[in-house]
C-alpha atoms as a PDB file:
ATOM      1  CA  UNK A   1       2.296 -54.543 -35.119  1.00  0.00           C
ATOM      2  CA  UNK A   2       3.359 -51.981 -32.294  1.00  0.00           C
ATOM      3  CA  UNK A   3       1.342 -49.002 -31.805  1.00  0.00           C
ATOM      4  CA  UNK A   4       3.214 -45.810 -30.949  1.00  0.00           C
ATOM      5  CA  UNK A   5       1.228 -43.375 -28.842  1.00  0.00           C
ATOM      6  CA  UNK A   6       2.099 -39.699 -29.610  1.00  0.00           C
ATOM      7  CA  UNK A   7       1.402 -37.116 -26.825  1.00  0.00           C
ATOM      8  CA  UNK A   8      -0.715 -34.042 -28.062  1.00  0.00           C
ATOM      9  CA  UNK A   9       0.880 -30.638 -27.998  1.00  0.00           C
ATOM     10  CA  UNK A  10      -0.687 -28.090 -25.684  1.00  0.00           C
ATOM     11  CA  UNK A  11      -0.430 -24.674 -27.434  1.00  0.00           C
ATOM     12  CA  UNK A  12      -2.144 -22.974 -24.344  1.00  0.00           C
ATOM     13  CA  UNK A  13       0.792 -23.941 -22.333  1.00  0.00           C
ATOM     14  CA  UNK A  14       3.376 -22.500 -24.597  1.00  0.00           C
ATOM     15  CA  UNK A  15       1.397 -19.322 -25.073  1.00  0.00           C
ATOM     16  CA  UNK A  16       0.994 -19.028 -21.339  1.00  0.00           C
ATOM     17  CA  UNK A  17       4.875 -19.050 -20.890  1.00  0.00           C
ATOM     18  CA  UNK A  18       5.094 -16.390 -23.643  1.00  0.00           C
ATOM     19  CA  UNK A  19       2.580 -13.883 -22.058  1.00  0.00           C
ATOM     20  CA  UNK A  20       3.915 -14.624 -18.556  1.00  0.00           C
ATOM     21  CA  UNK A  21       7.586 -13.909 -19.802  1.00  0.00           C
ATOM     22  CA  UNK A  22       6.127 -10.573 -21.473  1.00  0.00           C
ATOM     23  CA  UNK A  23       4.312  -9.616 -18.026  1.00  0.00           C
ATOM     24  CA  UNK A  24       7.477 -10.161 -16.045  1.00  0.00           C
ATOM     25  CA  UNK A  25       9.767  -8.098 -18.654  1.00  0.00           C
ATOM     26  CA  UNK A  26       7.250  -5.342 -18.268  1.00  0.00           C
ATOM     27  CA  UNK A  27       7.007  -5.298 -14.586  1.00  0.00           C
ATOM     28  CA  UNK A  28      10.829  -5.751 -14.152  1.00  0.00           C
ATOM     29  CA  UNK A  29      11.706  -3.037 -16.350  1.00  0.00           C
ATOM     30  CA  UNK A  30       9.226  -0.383 -14.998  1.00  0.00           C
ATOM     31  CA  UNK A  31      10.019  -1.272 -11.503  1.00  0.00           C
ATOM     32  CA  UNK A  32      13.752  -0.588 -12.302  1.00  0.00           C
ATOM     33  CA  UNK A  33      12.927   2.617 -14.246  1.00  0.00           C
ATOM     34  CA  UNK A  34      10.673   3.956 -11.500  1.00  0.00           C
ATOM     35  CA  UNK A  35      13.191   3.011  -8.705  1.00  0.00           C
ATOM     36  CA  UNK A  36      16.574   4.071 -10.298  1.00  0.00           C
ATOM     37  CA  UNK A  37      15.379   6.004 -13.312  1.00  0.00           C
ATOM     38  CA  UNK A  38      13.097   8.849 -14.415  1.00  0.00           C
ATOM     39  CA  UNK A  39       9.844   6.971 -14.542  1.00  0.00           C
ATOM     40  CA  UNK A  40       7.215   8.663 -12.715  1.00  0.00           C
ATOM     41  CA  UNK A  41       4.613   6.692 -10.309  1.00  0.00           C
ATOM     42  CA  UNK A  42       1.610   7.404 -12.612  1.00  0.00           C
ATOM     43  CA  UNK A  43       3.362   5.881 -15.497  1.00  0.00           C
ATOM     44  CA  UNK A  44       4.718   3.162 -13.425  1.00  0.00           C
ATOM     45  CA  UNK A  45       1.493   1.998 -12.021  1.00  0.00           C
ATOM     46  CA  UNK A  46      -0.161   2.084 -15.684  1.00  0.00           C
ATOM     47  CA  UNK A  47       2.653  -0.314 -16.742  1.00  0.00           C
ATOM     48  CA  UNK A  48       2.134  -2.558 -13.705  1.00  0.00           C
ATOM     49  CA  UNK A  49      -1.451  -2.753 -14.612  1.00  0.00           C
ATOM     50  CA  UNK A  50      -0.544  -3.749 -18.160  1.00  0.00           C
ATOM     51  CA  UNK A  51       1.955  -6.152 -16.948  1.00  0.00           C
ATOM     52  CA  UNK A  52      -0.861  -7.848 -14.693  1.00  0.00           C
ATOM     53  CA  UNK A  53      -3.213  -8.112 -17.435  1.00  0.00           C
ATOM     54  CA  UNK A  54      -0.462 -10.123 -19.467  1.00  0.00           C
ATOM     55  CA  UNK A  55       0.295 -12.195 -16.218  1.00  0.00           C
ATOM     56  CA  UNK A  56      -3.363 -13.022 -15.770  1.00  0.00           C
ATOM     57  CA  UNK A  57      -3.874 -14.153 -19.196  1.00  0.00           C
ATOM     58  CA  UNK A  58      -0.824 -16.199 -18.768  1.00  0.00           C
ATOM     59  CA  UNK A  59      -2.150 -17.863 -15.559  1.00  0.00           C
ATOM     60  CA  UNK A  60      -5.527 -18.780 -17.310  1.00  0.00           C
ATOM     61  CA  UNK A  61      -3.664 -20.545 -20.156  1.00  0.00           C
ATOM     62  CA  UNK A  62      -1.229 -22.128 -17.746  1.00  0.00           C
ATOM     63  CA  UNK A  63      -4.299 -23.687 -15.954  1.00  0.00           C
ATOM     64  CA  UNK A  64      -5.675 -24.902 -19.356  1.00  0.00           C
ATOM     65  CA  UNK A  65      -2.188 -26.477 -20.019  1.00  0.00           C
ATOM     66  CA  UNK A  66      -2.158 -28.314 -16.758  1.00  0.00           C
ATOM     67  CA  UNK A  67      -5.498 -29.497 -17.348  1.00  0.00           C
ATOM     68  CA  UNK A  68      -4.650 -31.107 -20.621  1.00  0.00           C
ATOM     69  CA  UNK A  69      -1.765 -32.529 -18.994  1.00  0.00           C
ATOM     70  CA  UNK A  70      -3.805 -34.202 -16.615  1.00  0.00           C
ATOM     71  CA  UNK A  71      -6.519 -35.418 -18.980  1.00  0.00           C
ATOM     72  CA  UNK A  72      -4.558 -36.340 -22.070  1.00  0.00           C
ATOM     73  CA  UNK A  73      -0.823 -36.059 -21.068  1.00  0.00           C
ATOM     74  CA  UNK A  74      -0.258 -33.180 -23.354  1.00  0.00           C
ATOM     75  CA  UNK A  75       3.190 -31.534 -23.706  1.00  0.00           C
ATOM     76  CA  UNK A  76       3.416 -28.376 -21.960  1.00  0.00           C
ATOM     77  CA  UNK A  77       3.546 -29.167 -18.132  1.00  0.00           C
ATOM     78  CA  UNK A  78       7.083 -27.372 -17.868  1.00  0.00           C
ATOM     79  CA  UNK A  79       5.946 -24.265 -20.051  1.00  0.00           C
ATOM     80  CA  UNK A  80       2.758 -23.955 -17.567  1.00  0.00           C
ATOM     81  CA  UNK A  81       4.811 -24.260 -14.458  1.00  0.00           C
ATOM     82  CA  UNK A  82       7.351 -21.627 -15.809  1.00  0.00           C
ATOM     83  CA  UNK A  83       4.351 -19.440 -16.831  1.00  0.00           C
ATOM     84  CA  UNK A  84       3.280 -19.555 -13.141  1.00  0.00           C
ATOM     85  CA  UNK A  85       6.621 -18.409 -11.894  1.00  0.00           C
ATOM     86  CA  UNK A  86       7.030 -15.434 -14.345  1.00  0.00           C
ATOM     87  CA  UNK A  87       3.477 -14.230 -13.521  1.00  0.00           C
ATOM     88  CA  UNK A  88       3.907 -14.540  -9.628  1.00  0.00           C
ATOM     89  CA  UNK A  89       5.983 -11.166  -9.238  1.00  0.00           C
ATOM     90  CA  UNK A  90       3.493  -8.815 -11.183  1.00  0.00           C
ATOM     91  CA  UNK A  91       0.347 -10.523  -9.786  1.00  0.00           C
ATOM     92  CA  UNK A  92       1.835 -10.547  -6.279  1.00  0.00           C
ATOM     93  CA  UNK A  93       2.732  -7.006  -6.209  1.00  0.00           C
ATOM     94  CA  UNK A  94      -0.830  -6.197  -7.441  1.00  0.00           C
ATOM     95  CA  UNK A  95      -2.309  -8.424  -5.061  1.00  0.00           C
ATOM     96  CA  UNK A  96      -0.527  -6.805  -2.071  1.00  0.00           C
ATOM     97  CA  UNK A  97      -1.615  -3.399  -3.216  1.00  0.00           C
ATOM     98  CA  UNK A  98      -5.226  -4.262  -3.614  1.00  0.00           C
ATOM     99  CA  UNK A  99      -5.544  -5.821  -0.156  1.00  0.00           C
ATOM    100  CA  UNK A 100      -3.927  -2.558   1.250  1.00  0.00           C
ATOM    101  CA  UNK A 101      -6.305  -0.568  -0.674  1.00  0.00           C
ATOM    102  CA  UNK A 102      -9.323  -2.506   0.632  1.00  0.00           C
ATOM    103  CA  UNK A 103      -8.224  -2.689   4.126  1.00  0.00           C
ATOM    104  CA  UNK A 104      -6.637   0.804   4.856  1.00  0.00           C
ATOM    105  CA  UNK A 105      -8.379   3.936   4.731  1.00  0.00           C
ATOM    106  CA  UNK A 106      -8.069   6.228   1.501  1.00  0.00           C
ATOM    107  CA  UNK A 107      -5.984   8.856   3.151  1.00  0.00           C
ATOM    108  CA  UNK A 108      -2.749  10.091   1.646  1.00  0.00           C
ATOM    109  CA  UNK A 109      -1.534  12.364   4.791  1.00  0.00           C
ATOM    110  CA  UNK A 110      -0.853  11.138   8.256  1.00  0.00           C
ATOM    111  CA  UNK A 111       0.184  12.968  11.192  1.00  0.00           C
ATOM    112  CA  UNK A 112       0.956  12.027  14.867  1.00  0.00           C
ATOM    113  CA  UNK A 113      -0.635  15.508  15.635  1.00  0.00           C
ATOM    114  CA  UNK A 114      -4.197  15.265  14.371  1.00  0.00           C
ATOM    115  CA  UNK A 115      -5.410  18.591  15.843  1.00  0.00           C
ATOM    116  CA  UNK A 116      -2.642  21.023  14.676  1.00  0.00           C
ATOM    117  CA  UNK A 117      -0.525  18.926  12.124  1.00  0.00           C
ATOM    118  CA  UNK A 118       2.703  20.522  11.456  1.00  0.00           C
ATOM    119  CA  UNK A 119       2.838  22.847   8.544  1.00  0.00           C
ATOM    120  CA  UNK A 120       5.133  21.902   5.612  1.00  0.00           C
ATOM    121  CA  UNK A 121       7.890  24.349   5.287  1.00  0.00           C
ATOM    122  CA  UNK A 122       7.633  23.856   1.459  1.00  0.00           C
ATOM    123  CA  UNK A 123       4.243  22.630   0.133  1.00  0.00           C
ATOM    124  CA  UNK A 124       4.948  19.538  -1.932  1.00  0.00           C
ATOM    125  CA  UNK A 125       4.231  19.942  -5.411  1.00  0.00           C
ATOM    126  CA  UNK A 126       3.366  17.049  -7.754  1.00  0.00           C
ATOM    127  CA  UNK A 127       1.717  16.320 -11.332  1.00  0.00           C
ATOM    128  CA  UNK A 128      -1.196  14.278 -10.412  1.00  0.00           C
ATOM    129  CA  UNK A 129      -1.759  12.919 -14.033  1.00  0.00           C
ATOM    130  CA  UNK A 130      -4.663  10.323 -13.751  1.00  0.00           C
ATOM    131  CA  UNK A 131      -4.141   9.907  -9.945  1.00  0.00           C
ATOM    132  CA  UNK A 132      -6.580  12.447  -8.638  1.00  0.00           C
ATOM    133  CA  UNK A 133      -7.052  13.478  -4.977  1.00  0.00           C
ATOM    134  CA  UNK A 134      -8.456  15.965  -2.786  1.00  0.00           C
ATOM    135  CA  UNK A 135      -6.383  19.005  -2.603  1.00  0.00           C
ATOM    136  CA  UNK A 136      -6.406  19.427   1.340  1.00  0.00           C
ATOM    137  CA  UNK A 137      -6.668  17.264   4.171  1.00  0.00           C
ATOM    138  CA  UNK A 138     -10.158  17.341   5.688  1.00  0.00           C
ATOM    139  CA  UNK A 139     -11.358  16.694   9.377  1.00  0.00           C
ATOM    140  CA  UNK A 140     -12.889  13.275   8.164  1.00  0.00           C
ATOM    141  CA  UNK A 141      -9.267  12.297   6.805  1.00  0.00           C
ATOM    142  CA  UNK A 142      -8.017  12.876  10.273  1.00  0.00           C
ATOM    143  CA  UNK A 143     -10.843  10.934  11.992  1.00  0.00           C
ATOM    144  CA  UNK A 144     -10.149   7.921   9.563  1.00  0.00           C
ATOM    145  CA  UNK A 145      -6.548   7.895  10.396  1.00  0.00           C
ATOM    146  CA  UNK A 146      -7.225   7.998  14.259  1.00  0.00           C
ATOM    147  CA  UNK A 147      -9.709   4.888  13.688  1.00  0.00           C
ATOM    148  CA  UNK A 148      -7.207   2.956  11.420  1.00  0.00           C
ATOM    149  CA  UNK A 149      -4.004   3.912  13.245  1.00  0.00           C
ATOM    150  CA  UNK A 150      -4.743   4.605  16.956  1.00  0.00           C
ATOM    151  CA  UNK A 151      -1.271   4.144  18.111  1.00  0.00           C
ATOM    152  CA  UNK A 152       0.281   6.666  15.942  1.00  0.00           C
ATOM    153  CA  UNK A 153       1.010   9.360  18.346  1.00  0.00           C
ATOM    154  CA  UNK A 154       3.880  11.639  19.162  1.00  0.00           C
ATOM    155  CA  UNK A 155       6.710  11.122  21.359  1.00  0.00           C
ATOM    156  CA  UNK A 156       7.835  13.036  24.640  1.00  0.00           C
ATOM    157  CA  UNK A 157      11.315  12.530  25.739  1.00  0.00           C
ATOM    158  CA  UNK A 158      12.747  13.668  28.925  1.00  0.00           C
ATOM    159  CA  UNK A 159      15.825  15.485  27.552  1.00  0.00           C
ATOM    160  CA  UNK A 160      17.027  18.673  26.159  1.00  0.00           C
ATOM    161  CA  UNK A 161      16.213  19.831  22.561  1.00  0.00           C
ATOM    162  CA  UNK A 162      19.857  19.488  21.476  1.00  0.00           C
ATOM    163  CA  UNK A 163      20.067  15.870  22.654  1.00  0.00           C
ATOM    164  CA  UNK A 164      16.788  14.807  20.984  1.00  0.00           C
ATOM    165  CA  UNK A 165      17.728  16.780  17.860  1.00  0.00           C
ATOM    166  CA  UNK A 166      20.967  14.651  17.534  1.00  0.00           C
ATOM    167  CA  UNK A 167      18.786  11.575  18.139  1.00  0.00           C
ATOM    168  CA  UNK A 168      16.646  12.401  15.317  1.00  0.00           C
ATOM    169  CA  UNK A 169      19.535  13.147  12.903  1.00  0.00           C
ATOM    170  CA  UNK A 170      20.858   9.596  13.516  1.00  0.00           C
ATOM    171  CA  UNK A 171      17.401   8.218  12.898  1.00  0.00           C
ATOM    172  CA  UNK A 172      17.093  10.217   9.574  1.00  0.00           C
ATOM    173  CA  UNK A 173      20.260   8.837   8.364  1.00  0.00           C
ATOM    174  CA  UNK A 174      19.235   5.379   9.200  1.00  0.00           C
ATOM    175  CA  UNK A 175      15.890   5.544   7.475  1.00  0.00           C
ATOM    176  CA  UNK A 176      17.169   7.222   4.292  1.00  0.00           C
ATOM    177  CA  UNK A 177      15.295  10.457   4.637  1.00  0.00           C
ATOM    178  CA  UNK A 178      16.970  13.107   2.391  1.00  0.00           C
ATOM    179  CA  UNK A 179      16.622  16.491   4.268  1.00  0.00           C
ATOM    180  CA  UNK A 180      15.698  19.225   1.899  1.00  0.00           C
ATOM    181  CA  UNK A 181      14.540  22.097   4.293  1.00  0.00           C
ATOM    182  CA  UNK A 182      15.344  23.142   7.813  1.00  0.00           C
ATOM    183  CA  UNK A 183      14.134  25.748  10.105  1.00  0.00           C
ATOM    184  CA  UNK A 184      14.918  26.615  13.683  1.00  0.00           C
ATOM    185  CA  UNK A 185      18.042  24.342  13.867  1.00  0.00           C
ATOM    186  CA  UNK A 186      19.944  27.353  15.584  1.00  0.00           C
ATOM    187  CA  UNK A 187      17.573  26.594  18.610  1.00  0.00           C
ATOM    188  CA  UNK A 188      19.447  23.422  19.269  1.00  0.00           C
ATOM    189  CA  UNK A 189      22.650  25.433  19.740  1.00  0.00           C
ATOM    190  CA  UNK A 190      23.831  26.568  23.428  1.00  0.00           C
ATOM    191  CA  UNK A 191      22.913  30.014  23.982  1.00  0.00           C
ATOM    192  CA  UNK A 192      26.179  31.500  25.052  1.00  0.00           C
ATOM    193  CA  UNK A 193      24.881  34.912  25.983  1.00  0.00           C
ATOM    194  CA  UNK A 194      23.050  33.280  29.054  1.00  0.00           C
ATOM    195  CA  UNK A 195      26.589  31.972  29.957  1.00  0.00           C
ATOM    196  CA  UNK A 196      28.387  35.247  29.768  1.00  0.00           C
ATOM    197  CA  UNK A 197      29.650  36.780  33.077  1.00  0.00           C
ATOM    198  CA  UNK A 198      30.343  40.492  33.610  1.00  0.00           C
ATOM    199  CA  UNK A 199      34.145  40.862  34.443  1.00  0.00           C
ATOM    200  CA  UNK A 200      33.293  42.818  37.722  1.00  0.00           C
ATOM    201  CA  UNK A 201      30.461  40.581  38.754  1.00  0.00           C
ATOM    202  CA  UNK A 202      32.153  39.319  41.942  1.00  0.00           C
ATOM    203  CA  UNK A 203      33.691  42.852  42.960  1.00  0.00           C
ATOM    204  CA  UNK A 204      30.793  43.817  45.109  1.00  0.00           C
ATOM    205  CA  UNK A 205      28.127  40.987  45.465  1.00  0.00           C
ATOM    206  CA  UNK A 206      26.083  43.375  47.856  1.00  0.00           C
ATOM    207  CA  UNK A 207      25.793  46.134  45.396  1.00  0.00           C
ATOM    208  CA  UNK A 208      22.420  46.823  43.904  1.00  0.00           C
ATOM    209  CA  UNK A 209      22.378  46.082  40.423  1.00  0.00           C
ATOM    210  CA  UNK A 210      22.318  49.048  37.733  1.00  0.00           C
ATOM    211  CA  UNK A 211      20.212  49.304  34.469  1.00  0.00           C
ATOM    212  CA  UNK A 212      18.093  46.255  35.227  1.00  0.00           C
ATOM    213  CA  UNK A 213      16.426  45.471  32.025  1.00  0.00           C
ATOM    214  CA  UNK A 214      12.689  44.931  31.913  1.00  0.00           C
ATOM    215  CA  UNK A 215      11.568  41.389  31.000  1.00  0.00           C
ATOM    216  CA  UNK A 216       9.960  41.201  27.665  1.00  0.00           C
ATOM    217  CA  UNK A 217       7.674  38.389  26.244  1.00  0.00           C
ATOM    218  CA  UNK A 218       9.478  35.764  24.475  1.00  0.00           C
ATOM    219  CA  UNK A 219       9.399  35.894  20.538  1.00  0.00           C
ATOM    220  CA  UNK A 220       7.615  32.664  20.203  1.00  0.00           C
ATOM    221  CA  UNK A 221       4.621  33.881  22.250  1.00  0.00           C
ATOM    222  CA  UNK A 222       4.381  36.997  19.761  1.00  0.00           C
ATOM    223  CA  UNK A 223       4.678  34.770  16.675  1.00  0.00           C
ATOM    224  CA  UNK A 224       2.550  31.748  18.148  1.00  0.00           C
ATOM    225  CA  UNK A 225      -0.624  31.564  16.258  1.00  0.00           C
ATOM    226  CA  UNK A 226       0.711  33.259  13.139  1.00  0.00           C
ATOM    227  CA  UNK A 227       1.075  29.793  11.554  1.00  0.00           C
ATOM    228  CA  UNK A 228      -1.106  27.152  13.224  1.00  0.00           C
ATOM    229  CA  UNK A 229       1.198  24.357  14.339  1.00  0.00           C
ATOM    230  CA  UNK A 230       4.342  26.135  14.474  1.00  0.00           C
ATOM    231  CA  UNK A 231       6.482  28.256  16.954  1.00  0.00           C
ATOM    232  CA  UNK A 232       9.568  30.223  16.607  1.00  0.00           C
ATOM    233  CA  UNK A 233      11.039  27.969  19.142  1.00  0.00           C
ATOM    234  CA  UNK A 234      10.475  24.719  17.167  1.00  0.00           C
ATOM    235  CA  UNK A 235      12.985  22.716  14.916  1.00  0.00           C
ATOM    236  CA  UNK A 236      11.606  21.505  11.810  1.00  0.00           C
ATOM    237  CA  UNK A 237      13.128  19.149   9.373  1.00  0.00           C
ATOM    238  CA  UNK A 238      11.326  18.410   5.887  1.00  0.00           C
ATOM    239  CA  UNK A 239      12.708  15.786   3.564  1.00  0.00           C
ATOM    240  CA  UNK A 240      12.044  13.193   1.181  1.00  0.00           C
ATOM    241  CA  UNK A 241      11.639   9.254   1.615  1.00  0.00           C
ATOM    242  CA  UNK A 242      11.415   6.570  -0.774  1.00  0.00           C
ATOM    243  CA  UNK A 243      10.301   2.856  -0.356  1.00  0.00           C
ATOM    244  CA  UNK A 244      13.018   0.444  -0.608  1.00  0.00           C
ATOM    245  CA  UNK A 245      12.023  -1.580  -3.543  1.00  0.00           C
ATOM    246  CA  UNK A 246       9.453   0.203  -5.449  1.00  0.00           C
ATOM    247  CA  UNK A 247      10.750   3.594  -4.852  1.00  0.00           C
ATOM    248  CA  UNK A 248       7.466   5.336  -4.001  1.00  0.00           C
ATOM    249  CA  UNK A 249       8.047   8.965  -2.938  1.00  0.00           C
ATOM    250  CA  UNK A 250       6.807  10.490   0.350  1.00  0.00           C
ATOM    251  CA  UNK A 251       7.379  13.661   1.802  1.00  0.00           C
ATOM    252  CA  UNK A 252       8.260  13.713   5.771  1.00  0.00           C
ATOM    253  CA  UNK A 253       8.114  16.440   8.263  1.00  0.00           C
ATOM    254  CA  UNK A 254       9.615  16.332  11.659  1.00  0.00           C
ATOM    255  CA  UNK A 255       8.787  19.013  14.290  1.00  0.00           C
ATOM    256  CA  UNK A 256      10.544  19.092  17.677  1.00  0.00           C
ATOM    257  CA  UNK A 257       9.280  21.275  20.430  1.00  0.00           C
ATOM    258  CA  UNK A 258      10.690  21.971  23.682  1.00  0.00           C
ATOM    259  CA  UNK A 259       8.281  22.065  26.632  1.00  0.00           C
ATOM    260  CA  UNK A 260       9.459  22.547  30.090  1.00  0.00           C
ATOM    261  CA  UNK A 261      12.038  19.812  30.685  1.00  0.00           C
ATOM    262  CA  UNK A 262      10.903  17.709  28.046  1.00  0.00           C
ATOM    263  CA  UNK A 263      10.905  17.556  24.151  1.00  0.00           C
ATOM    264  CA  UNK A 264       8.177  16.633  22.136  1.00  0.00           C
ATOM    265  CA  UNK A 265       8.482  15.031  18.690  1.00  0.00           C
ATOM    266  CA  UNK A 266       5.828  15.020  15.803  1.00  0.00           C
ATOM    267  CA  UNK A 267       5.995  13.411  12.585  1.00  0.00           C
ATOM    268  CA  UNK A 268       4.125  13.965   9.264  1.00  0.00           C
ATOM    269  CA  UNK A 269       4.190  11.928   6.205  1.00  0.00           C
ATOM    270  CA  UNK A 270       2.383  12.200   2.883  1.00  0.00           C
ATOM    271  CA  UNK A 271       2.556  10.358  -0.501  1.00  0.00           C
ATOM    272  CA  UNK A 272       3.127  12.210  -3.655  1.00  0.00           C
ATOM    273  CA  UNK A 273       0.358  10.812  -5.745  1.00  0.00           C
ATOM    274  CA  UNK A 274      -2.953   9.670  -5.440  1.00  0.00           C
ATOM    275  CA  UNK A 275      -5.645   9.790  -2.571  1.00  0.00           C
ATOM    276  CA  UNK A 276      -4.408   6.319  -1.100  1.00  0.00           C
ATOM    277  CA  UNK A 277      -0.897   5.625   0.469  1.00  0.00           C
ATOM    278  CA  UNK A 278      -1.678   1.922   1.040  1.00  0.00           C
ATOM    279  CA  UNK A 279      -0.856   2.300   4.572  1.00  0.00           C
ATOM    280  CA  UNK A 280       2.861   2.944   3.720  1.00  0.00           C
ATOM    281  CA  UNK A 281       2.993   6.440   5.390  1.00  0.00           C
ATOM    282  CA  UNK A 282       1.704   5.300   8.760  1.00  0.00           C
ATOM    283  CA  UNK A 283       4.014   2.288   8.672  1.00  0.00           C
ATOM    284  CA  UNK A 284       6.913   4.446   7.885  1.00  0.00           C
ATOM    285  CA  UNK A 285       5.989   6.833  10.924  1.00  0.00           C
ATOM    286  CA  UNK A 286       5.713   3.973  13.150  1.00  0.00           C
ATOM    287  CA  UNK A 287       9.074   2.527  11.975  1.00  0.00           C
ATOM    288  CA  UNK A 288      10.703   6.179  12.409  1.00  0.00           C
ATOM    289  CA  UNK A 289       9.331   6.562  15.965  1.00  0.00           C
ATOM    290  CA  UNK A 290      10.460   3.169  17.318  1.00  0.00           C
ATOM    291  CA  UNK A 291      13.899   3.708  15.826  1.00  0.00           C
ATOM    292  CA  UNK A 292      13.862   7.232  17.636  1.00  0.00           C
ATOM    293  CA  UNK A 293      12.823   5.360  21.045  1.00  0.00           C
ATOM    294  CA  UNK A 294      15.573   2.970  20.614  1.00  0.00           C
ATOM    295  CA  UNK A 295      17.944   5.771  19.674  1.00  0.00           C
ATOM    296  CA  UNK A 296      16.807   7.730  22.828  1.00  0.00           C
ATOM    297  CA  UNK A 297      16.364   4.896  24.915  1.00  0.00           C
ATOM    298  CA  UNK A 298      16.278   5.818  28.671  1.00  0.00           C
ATOM    299  CA  UNK A 299      14.867   9.333  28.212  1.00  0.00           C
ATOM    300  CA  UNK A 300      11.551   8.498  26.698  1.00  0.00           C
ATOM    301  CA  UNK A 301       8.530  10.126  28.895  1.00  0.00           C
ATOM    302  CA  UNK A 302       4.890   9.650  28.869  1.00  0.00           C
END
């Protein structure tokens, strides 16, 4: 008489695959709706948390299924393995966010000029929903930025304002920053009045000039101090940048300031939602400035 052994069936493994598939579907659909659709960041993060709960449940059940496979050769090994694969994207996304949250300072606004950050041309307006944050950036926030990102500083280039401005424009296109506001762009154009020559200028070089105008103070000197961090001679660009995969929104401000024979570039990056930008703002600012260094290679100063 032949005894036929029937393998037990692991219900945990198959429920693990179901839960993991639900988690992956929620994560993928919410990610697509946030990146390309109307889903806002607070709702997206809420759905990601829900998908993470389903994924974690799926992983726990998959572990039970694998344990049953090892102990009694229960059917469900492939189901447990597929559950782990489906659960990996949402749990990996959440895990990366948690790691950044714990290792980066709780700030949402970074600036290369921590003393007098360039002011926004138009203050970003967002609906906070359940992602609350402090309405203003404090001195403690700037000190935390300096400690966490000591290398995040402005750039000085040994070039004219118009040359550096063109380089900034090129980097803006490469980094996918959509410019929404501009100020002082006319300062980059050549001042043709300084090049104008009177028709009879060479008639009598020894003649004494008539009606010599009295020098007056430059307009930027009169306006400087009216708005901290801004001069009338500055060129300021404000725009919006989104992360490539998740589509998180950040507001970006670029300030160009001509000083003597050099041009100084400062950058300010702020996340739209929450108190914590997970270090993304500083990473983008560093990426932008490195790209600008490469664009203006040969004229970077100290």
